[in-house]
Protein backbone atom coordinates (compact mmCIF):
# COMPACT_ATOMS: atom_id res chain seq x y z
CA MET A 1 9.43 -13.79 13.03
CA ASP A 2 8.34 -11.00 15.30
CA GLY A 3 5.28 -11.63 17.45
CA PRO A 4 2.25 -9.36 17.50
CA ARG A 5 3.12 -5.90 18.72
CA ALA A 6 1.91 -5.03 22.20
CA ARG A 7 -1.11 -2.79 22.10
CA GLU A 8 -1.68 0.39 24.02
CA PRO A 9 -4.65 0.23 26.41
CA ARG A 10 -7.79 1.76 24.96
CA PRO A 11 -8.14 5.37 26.12
CA ALA A 12 -11.11 6.17 28.34
CA PRO A 13 -13.70 8.61 26.99
CA ALA A 14 -12.82 12.26 27.53
CA GLY A 15 -13.78 13.44 30.98
CA GLY A 16 -12.96 10.07 32.59
CA ASP A 17 -16.54 8.81 32.94
CA ALA A 18 -17.68 5.76 31.02
CA HIS A 19 -20.73 6.13 28.84
CA PRO A 20 -23.82 4.17 29.92
CA ALA A 21 -24.12 0.68 28.55
CA SER A 22 -27.24 -0.36 26.75
CA ALA A 23 -28.91 -3.54 25.63
CA ARG A 24 -27.28 -3.04 22.24
CA ALA A 25 -23.86 -3.39 23.86
CA ALA A 26 -24.83 -6.73 25.38
CA SER A 27 -26.23 -8.02 22.10
CA ARG A 28 -23.38 -6.73 19.94
CA PRO A 29 -21.85 -9.64 17.98
CA PRO A 30 -18.60 -10.95 19.51
CA ASP A 31 -16.81 -10.49 16.18
CA ALA A 32 -17.76 -6.82 15.83
CA VAL A 33 -14.81 -4.58 14.99
CA PRO A 34 -13.25 -3.13 18.17
CA ALA A 35 -12.80 0.59 18.66
CA ASP A 36 -9.07 0.60 18.03
CA PRO A 37 -7.70 3.62 16.12
CA ARG A 38 -5.15 1.43 14.33
CA HIS A 39 -8.03 -0.34 12.57
CA GLY A 40 -8.14 2.79 10.39
CA SER A 41 -4.37 3.24 9.98
CA ALA A 42 -2.91 2.80 6.52
CA THR A 43 -0.41 0.04 7.37
CA LEU A 44 -1.13 -2.79 4.88
CA THR A 45 0.26 -3.28 1.41
CA PRO A 46 -2.61 -3.90 -1.07
CA HIS A 47 -1.35 -7.35 -2.05
CA LEU A 48 -4.46 -9.27 -0.99
CA LEU A 49 -6.90 -6.80 -2.54
CA ARG A 50 -4.96 -6.87 -5.80
CA HIS A 51 -5.51 -10.60 -6.17
CA LEU A 52 -9.09 -10.36 -4.93
CA VAL A 53 -9.87 -7.84 -7.68
CA LEU A 54 -8.30 -10.15 -10.28
CA VAL A 55 -10.32 -13.15 -9.10
CA ALA A 56 -13.53 -11.11 -9.15
CA ALA A 57 -12.76 -9.76 -12.64
CA GLY A 58 -12.24 -13.31 -13.87
CA ARG A 59 -15.79 -14.04 -12.74
CA GLY A 60 -17.20 -10.97 -14.44
CA CYS A 61 -17.49 -8.89 -11.25
CA ASP A 62 -16.13 -5.34 -11.08
CA LEU A 63 -15.02 -4.36 -7.58
CA GLY A 64 -14.37 -0.79 -8.68
CA PRO A 65 -17.44 0.57 -6.84
CA ALA A 66 -16.42 -1.23 -3.64
CA LEU A 67 -12.95 0.30 -3.91
CA GLU A 68 -14.38 3.77 -4.55
CA ARG A 69 -16.56 3.55 -1.45
CA VAL A 70 -13.42 3.36 0.69
CA GLY A 71 -11.50 6.02 -1.22
CA LEU A 72 -9.49 3.69 -3.49
CA CYS A 73 -9.33 2.86 -7.17
CA GLY A 74 -7.81 -0.02 -9.11
CA SER A 75 -4.62 1.83 -9.97
CA ASP A 76 -3.91 2.38 -6.25
CA LEU A 77 -3.42 -1.36 -5.84
CA GLU A 78 -0.50 -1.32 -8.30
CA LEU A 79 1.40 1.56 -6.69
CA VAL A 80 4.69 0.56 -5.07
CA GLY A 81 4.71 1.78 -1.48
CA ARG A 82 0.93 2.25 -1.31
CA ARG A 83 -0.60 1.46 2.07
CA ILE A 84 -4.22 0.81 2.92
CA SER A 85 -6.04 0.30 6.21
CA TYR A 86 -7.55 -2.83 7.70
CA ARG A 87 -10.89 -1.03 7.55
CA GLN A 88 -10.55 -0.40 3.81
CA ALA A 89 -9.42 -3.95 3.07
CA SER A 90 -12.12 -5.63 5.17
CA SER A 91 -14.84 -3.49 3.59
CA VAL A 92 -13.79 -4.50 0.06
CA ILE A 93 -13.46 -8.17 1.05
CA ARG A 94 -16.97 -8.22 2.51
CA ALA A 95 -18.33 -6.55 -0.63
CA ALA A 96 -16.61 -9.18 -2.81
CA ILE A 97 -17.97 -12.09 -0.77
CA ARG A 98 -21.44 -10.58 -0.96
CA GLU A 99 -21.37 -9.74 -4.69
CA LEU A 100 -19.79 -13.02 -5.76
CA ASP A 101 -21.97 -15.00 -3.34
CA ASP A 102 -18.94 -17.13 -2.47
CA PRO A 103 -18.13 -17.59 1.23
CA GLY A 104 -15.10 -19.69 0.20
CA LEU A 105 -13.54 -16.86 -1.73
CA GLY A 106 -10.38 -16.90 0.41
CA LEU A 107 -9.26 -20.22 -1.08
CA ALA A 108 -9.89 -18.95 -4.61
CA VAL A 109 -7.71 -15.91 -3.97
CA ALA A 110 -4.97 -18.11 -2.52
CA ARG A 111 -4.92 -20.54 -5.43
CA ARG A 112 -4.07 -17.94 -8.05
CA GLN A 113 -0.95 -16.69 -6.26
CA ARG A 114 2.65 -17.45 -7.18
CA ALA A 115 5.92 -16.66 -5.43
CA THR A 116 6.52 -13.68 -7.70
CA SER A 117 3.12 -12.30 -6.66
CA TRP A 118 4.72 -11.40 -3.33
CA GLY A 119 7.38 -9.18 -4.86
CA LEU A 120 10.72 -9.11 -3.05
CA VAL A 121 9.47 -11.53 -0.40
CA GLY A 122 8.59 -14.06 -3.09
CA PHE A 123 12.00 -13.80 -4.76
CA ALA A 124 13.68 -14.26 -1.37
CA LEU A 125 11.59 -17.38 -0.73
CA LEU A 126 12.62 -18.91 -4.06
CA ALA A 127 16.30 -18.15 -3.38
CA SER A 128 16.25 -19.69 0.13
CA PRO A 129 18.23 -22.92 0.76
CA THR A 130 15.29 -24.98 2.08
CA LEU A 131 11.58 -24.71 2.66
CA ARG A 132 12.31 -24.29 6.39
CA ASP A 133 14.47 -21.25 5.66
CA ALA A 134 11.88 -19.86 3.25
CA LEU A 135 9.10 -20.28 5.80
CA ALA A 136 11.03 -18.47 8.54
CA LEU A 137 11.93 -15.64 6.18
CA GLY A 138 8.40 -15.32 4.86
CA LEU A 139 6.89 -15.06 8.31
CA ARG A 140 9.50 -12.53 9.39
CA HIS A 141 8.57 -10.29 6.48
CA HIS A 142 4.87 -11.15 6.20
CA GLY A 143 3.98 -7.48 6.58
CA ALA A 144 5.57 -6.77 3.20
CA GLY A 145 3.08 -9.21 1.70
CA GLY A 146 0.11 -7.31 3.09
CA SER A 147 -0.95 -9.94 5.63
CA MET A 148 -3.99 -9.13 7.77
CA LEU A 149 -3.02 -11.81 10.30
CA ASP A 150 -0.12 -12.26 12.70
CA TYR A 151 1.96 -15.44 12.74
CA ARG A 152 4.42 -17.42 14.80
CA LEU A 153 6.25 -20.70 14.38
CA ARG A 154 6.06 -23.57 16.85
CA PRO A 155 8.14 -26.77 16.76
CA VAL A 156 5.93 -29.87 16.85
CA PRO A 157 6.90 -33.55 16.86
CA GLY A 158 8.24 -34.37 13.41
CA GLY A 159 7.86 -30.89 12.02
CA THR A 160 6.93 -27.24 12.52
CA ALA A 161 3.56 -25.51 12.72
CA VAL A 162 2.60 -22.06 11.52
CA LEU A 163 0.09 -20.53 13.94
CA ALA A 164 -2.07 -17.63 12.80
CA ALA A 165 -4.01 -15.11 14.87
CA PRO A 166 -6.35 -12.31 13.72
CA ARG A 167 -5.05 -8.81 14.25
CA PHE A 168 -8.58 -7.76 15.17
CA SER A 169 -11.49 -9.93 16.25
CA ASP A 170 -13.39 -10.06 13.02
CA SER A 171 -16.05 -12.03 11.17
CA LEU A 172 -13.58 -12.27 8.26
CA ARG A 173 -11.32 -14.62 10.20
CA ALA A 174 -12.26 -17.69 8.11
CA PHE A 175 -11.62 -15.83 4.83
CA LEU A 176 -8.27 -14.51 6.06
CA LEU A 177 -7.15 -17.94 7.27
CA GLU A 178 -8.15 -19.60 4.00
CA GLU A 179 -6.27 -16.99 2.00
CA ALA A 180 -3.22 -17.09 4.29
CA PHE A 181 -2.80 -20.85 4.65
CA GLY A 182 -3.85 -21.43 1.06
CA SER A 183 -1.33 -18.96 -0.34
CA ILE A 184 1.50 -20.42 1.78
CA VAL A 185 0.77 -23.80 0.20
CA ALA A 186 0.55 -22.20 -3.25
CA LEU A 187 3.99 -20.66 -2.83
CA ALA A 188 5.45 -23.93 -1.56
CA ARG A 189 4.12 -25.73 -4.62
CA ASP A 190 5.50 -22.99 -6.82
CA ALA A 191 8.94 -23.72 -5.39
CA LEU A 192 8.78 -27.50 -4.94
CA GLY A 193 6.20 -28.67 -7.45
CA PRO A 194 2.53 -29.69 -7.35
CA CYS A 195 3.20 -32.79 -5.25
CA PHE A 196 3.83 -30.73 -2.11
CA ALA A 197 1.27 -31.03 0.68
CA PRO A 198 1.34 -29.94 4.33
CA ARG A 199 0.96 -32.57 7.01
CA ALA A 200 -2.25 -31.16 8.49
CA VAL A 201 -4.45 -28.07 8.66
CA SER A 202 -6.41 -27.09 11.78
CA VAL A 203 -8.89 -24.22 12.04
CA ARG A 204 -11.06 -23.05 14.89
CA HIS A 205 -14.20 -22.44 12.87
CA SER A 206 -16.71 -25.19 12.18
CA ARG A 207 -16.77 -27.02 8.87
CA PRO A 208 -18.41 -24.80 6.23
CA ALA A 209 -20.69 -26.01 3.47
CA TYR A 210 -17.73 -25.76 1.08
CA GLY A 211 -15.46 -27.76 3.40
CA ALA A 212 -14.54 -30.20 0.62
CA ARG A 213 -12.54 -27.39 -1.00
CA TYR A 214 -10.15 -27.51 1.94
CA GLU A 215 -9.31 -31.19 1.40
CA GLN A 216 -9.04 -30.65 -2.35
CA TRP A 217 -6.59 -27.78 -2.10
CA PHE A 218 -4.48 -28.74 0.90
CA ALA A 219 -4.45 -32.48 0.07
CA CYS A 220 -4.02 -33.41 3.72
CA PRO A 221 -6.18 -34.01 6.82
CA VAL A 222 -8.17 -30.92 7.83
CA ALA A 223 -9.53 -30.50 11.36
CA PHE A 224 -12.42 -28.07 11.87
CA GLY A 225 -13.46 -26.79 15.29
CA ALA A 226 -9.87 -27.10 16.50
CA ARG A 227 -8.35 -25.26 19.47
CA GLU A 228 -6.09 -23.12 17.27
CA ASP A 229 -5.50 -22.11 13.67
CA ARG A 230 -2.37 -23.86 12.42
CA LEU A 231 -0.68 -25.28 9.35
CA ASP A 232 1.68 -28.21 10.01
CA PHE A 233 4.74 -29.00 7.88
CA PRO A 234 6.68 -32.30 8.13
CA ASP A 235 10.45 -32.19 8.54
CA ALA A 236 10.92 -34.15 5.30
CA TRP A 237 9.51 -31.25 3.29
CA LEU A 238 10.96 -28.51 5.49
CA ASP A 239 14.51 -29.77 4.92
CA HIS A 240 14.01 -30.30 1.19
CA PRO A 241 16.44 -28.14 -0.85
CA LEU A 242 14.78 -25.55 -3.05
CA PRO A 243 15.78 -25.77 -6.72
CA GLY A 244 16.19 -21.98 -7.03
CA ALA A 245 18.47 -21.58 -4.00
CA ASP A 246 21.00 -18.80 -4.55
CA ALA A 247 22.96 -17.41 -1.60
CA TYR A 248 24.01 -14.21 -3.37
CA ALA A 249 20.53 -13.36 -4.64
CA LEU A 250 19.09 -14.17 -1.22
CA ALA A 251 21.55 -11.87 0.56
CA GLN A 252 20.75 -9.02 -1.81
CA THR A 253 17.01 -9.42 -1.41
CA VAL A 254 17.09 -9.84 2.36
CA ARG A 255 19.17 -6.66 2.66
CA LEU A 256 16.46 -4.73 0.83
CA LEU A 257 13.71 -6.35 2.87
CA ASP A 258 15.42 -5.65 6.20
CA ALA A 259 15.93 -2.00 5.30
CA ALA A 260 12.30 -1.61 4.27
CA ARG A 261 11.11 -3.42 7.39
CA ALA A 262 13.11 -1.16 9.70
CA ARG A 263 11.80 1.91 7.93
CA ASP A 264 8.21 0.70 8.05
CA ARG A 265 8.52 -0.22 11.73
CA ARG A 266 9.88 3.21 12.58
CA ASP A 267 7.14 4.98 10.66
CA GLN A 268 4.39 2.75 12.05
CA ASP A 269 5.57 3.32 15.61
CA LEU A 270 5.34 7.05 14.96
CA VAL A 271 1.83 6.74 13.50
CA GLU A 272 0.63 4.73 16.50
CA GLU A 273 2.17 7.20 18.96
CA VAL A 274 0.36 10.08 17.27
CA GLU A 275 -2.94 8.20 17.17
CA VAL A 276 -2.78 7.27 20.84
CA ALA A 277 -1.89 10.87 21.76
CA VAL A 278 -4.93 12.13 19.84
CA ALA A 279 -7.22 9.51 21.41
CA ARG A 280 -6.09 10.46 24.90
CA SER A 281 -6.53 14.17 24.22
CA LEU A 282 -10.07 14.15 22.87
CA PRO A 283 -12.17 16.27 22.84
CA ARG A 284 -9.23 18.65 22.45
CA VAL A 285 -7.04 17.79 19.47
CA PRO A 286 -3.34 18.64 19.81
CA THR A 287 -1.95 20.79 17.03
CA LEU A 288 0.57 19.35 14.59
CA ALA A 289 3.17 21.68 16.11
CA ARG A 290 2.54 20.25 19.59
CA GLN A 291 2.77 16.68 18.32
CA ALA A 292 6.05 17.47 16.58
CA LEU A 293 7.49 19.16 19.66
CA ALA A 294 6.60 16.18 21.85
CA ARG A 295 8.65 13.98 19.50
CA GLY A 296 11.62 16.27 19.17
CA MET A 297 11.12 17.11 15.52
CA SER A 298 9.87 19.97 13.37
CA GLU A 299 6.36 20.18 11.92
CA ARG A 300 7.83 19.74 8.47
CA THR A 301 9.64 16.55 9.49
CA LEU A 302 6.55 15.08 11.15
CA ARG A 303 4.44 15.93 8.13
CA ARG A 304 7.03 14.31 5.85
CA ARG A 305 7.27 11.17 8.00
CA LEU A 306 3.49 10.74 8.00
CA ALA A 307 3.33 11.32 4.25
CA ALA A 308 6.00 8.64 3.73
CA HIS A 309 3.64 6.26 5.51
CA GLY A 310 0.77 7.23 3.24
CA THR A 311 -1.18 9.42 5.64
CA THR A 312 -1.59 12.92 7.06
CA TYR A 313 -2.14 14.30 10.54
CA GLN A 314 -5.74 15.23 9.71
CA ALA A 315 -6.37 11.70 8.43
CA LEU A 316 -5.10 10.25 11.71
CA VAL A 317 -7.26 12.62 13.74
CA ASP A 318 -10.30 11.65 11.68
CA SER A 319 -9.43 7.96 12.06
CA VAL A 320 -9.38 8.27 15.86
CA ARG A 321 -12.64 10.21 15.84
CA LEU A 322 -14.21 7.63 13.53
CA VAL A 323 -13.62 4.67 15.82
CA ARG A 324 -14.56 6.69 18.93
CA ALA A 325 -17.76 7.86 17.21
CA GLU A 326 -18.63 4.27 16.29
CA GLU A 327 -18.10 3.19 19.88
CA LEU A 328 -20.08 6.03 21.48
CA ILE A 329 -22.97 5.87 19.02
CA THR A 330 -23.46 2.11 18.70
CA THR A 331 -22.77 0.93 22.27
CA GLY A 332 -24.46 3.59 24.39
CA ASP A 333 -27.37 5.99 24.73
CA LEU A 334 -25.30 9.15 25.10
CA PRO A 335 -27.21 12.10 23.58
CA PHE A 336 -25.77 13.20 20.26
CA PRO A 337 -24.79 16.68 21.50
CA GLN A 338 -22.62 14.98 24.13
CA VAL A 339 -21.19 12.59 21.53
CA ALA A 340 -20.25 15.58 19.40
CA ALA A 341 -18.64 17.28 22.39
CA ARG A 342 -16.58 14.21 23.32
CA LEU A 343 -15.31 13.96 19.76
CA GLY A 344 -14.29 17.61 19.72
CA PHE A 345 -16.96 18.77 17.26
CA GLY A 346 -18.53 22.19 17.72
CA ASP A 347 -22.11 20.97 17.31
CA THR A 348 -24.26 18.07 16.16
CA ARG A 349 -24.27 19.34 12.57
CA ALA A 350 -20.54 18.71 12.38
CA LEU A 351 -21.13 15.24 13.88
CA ARG A 352 -23.82 14.47 11.29
CA ARG A 353 -21.55 15.52 8.43
CA ALA A 354 -18.67 13.40 9.74
CA VAL A 355 -20.83 10.30 10.31
CA ALA A 356 -22.30 10.64 6.82
CA ARG A 357 -18.80 10.82 5.37
CA TRP A 358 -17.47 7.90 7.40
CA PHE A 359 -20.44 5.51 7.43
CA GLY A 360 -22.75 6.76 4.68
CA THR A 361 -25.64 7.21 7.12
CA SER A 362 -26.87 9.41 9.97
CA PRO A 363 -25.99 9.08 13.68
CA SER A 364 -29.58 8.00 14.42
CA ALA A 365 -29.52 5.27 11.76
CA LEU A 366 -26.09 4.12 12.91
CA ARG A 367 -27.38 3.82 16.49
CA ARG A 368 -30.40 1.80 15.36
CA SER A 369 -28.23 -0.67 13.45
CA PRO A 370 -27.55 -3.95 15.35
CA ALA A 371 -23.82 -3.79 14.61
CA ALA A 372 -21.23 -1.56 13.02
CA PRO A 373 -21.65 -1.17 9.24
CA VAL A 374 -19.49 -3.41 7.13
CA THR A 375 -18.92 -1.00 4.26
CA SER A 376 -17.69 2.03 6.14
CA GLY A 377 -15.06 4.22 4.60
CA GLY A 378 -11.29 3.93 4.82
CA PRO A 379 -9.05 6.18 6.87
CA ALA A 380 -10.92 9.39 7.37
CA GLY A 381 -9.53 12.15 5.28
CA THR A 382 -8.88 9.82 2.34
CA PRO A 383 -10.24 11.62 -0.73
CA PRO A 384 -12.59 9.77 -3.03
CA CYS A 385 -10.84 8.32 -6.03
CA THR A 386 -11.74 9.13 -9.60
CA PRO A 387 -10.91 6.07 -11.71
CA SER A 388 -8.51 6.77 -14.55
CA ARG A 389 -10.04 6.46 -17.98
């Protein structure tokens, strides 16, 4: 599989001078969301949220309001080609954990998944010759399954380990690991039968109160407080033939997946280039025409390419401003008129309106909060959704 993509260095605030640090910056939780514009980019398929909503509904909990707060509705999660942001997904996940009062929700979401739940990736896994082949293919195309983590494979004595790493430092890491490792095991059992079990599971976080659920689901030794997050598979299972292996079906499916992956990679690279250009240009925002010219294309082509990725130029500009606003407001004492100026707003009224839209509060209240809000909106510019009746 491909490793995590190299990140651009964070742009310095406009004007080149760093804003003054405050005591809030020193006390900010280490898992607070970083000011990275891509945190607000619509790059994830809604696979995980779709299953989260189903699990919540089965417990009598409607996550519709949580979806609406980030500009989504239930029908969005069923749209082929729909993309959501990490910010949107994490906000809904936190709301679900809070409303269901279940910190172990990640395992519950994992347990209900089947190979077909992953669409083309799932069919390709079932058609693979062995579990080893299926694992390599699945990790190569994990983006198509809406993963919020990055993965790599490492050979270990007597087997292979899947190592997971958070895309952003985040307090949801335990949930995401439980869902990721748990769903990999669910898919393996879907292909090989309920007797399958990994050799070992290791996670960096300490043993939670619901730690027994780990042993029950994985049916193998589980190490908490480990040095890395990993799922170990023994060679005996990795080389086990899959009953649904079909070379022709696999070739067809992989061809479709590779084409979609190349297209998504090309579009995502473009989105990130535009976001970084905007971040470096603040407080002045380049026009769409200037962005298109810098990339050797017409405005119409750039607009079409962004639309194909589920976003618009204005949404990207707002996304960059959102994360910069969060950084300037919550980690410094810069006066609000200067914050507005650095973001390219004409006055503090425009700043207040934007902060209310993004975070549901005022700049003053946001600054007083000990950490960034956990239910902030999705990519700025995303219109609120009216649920279909």
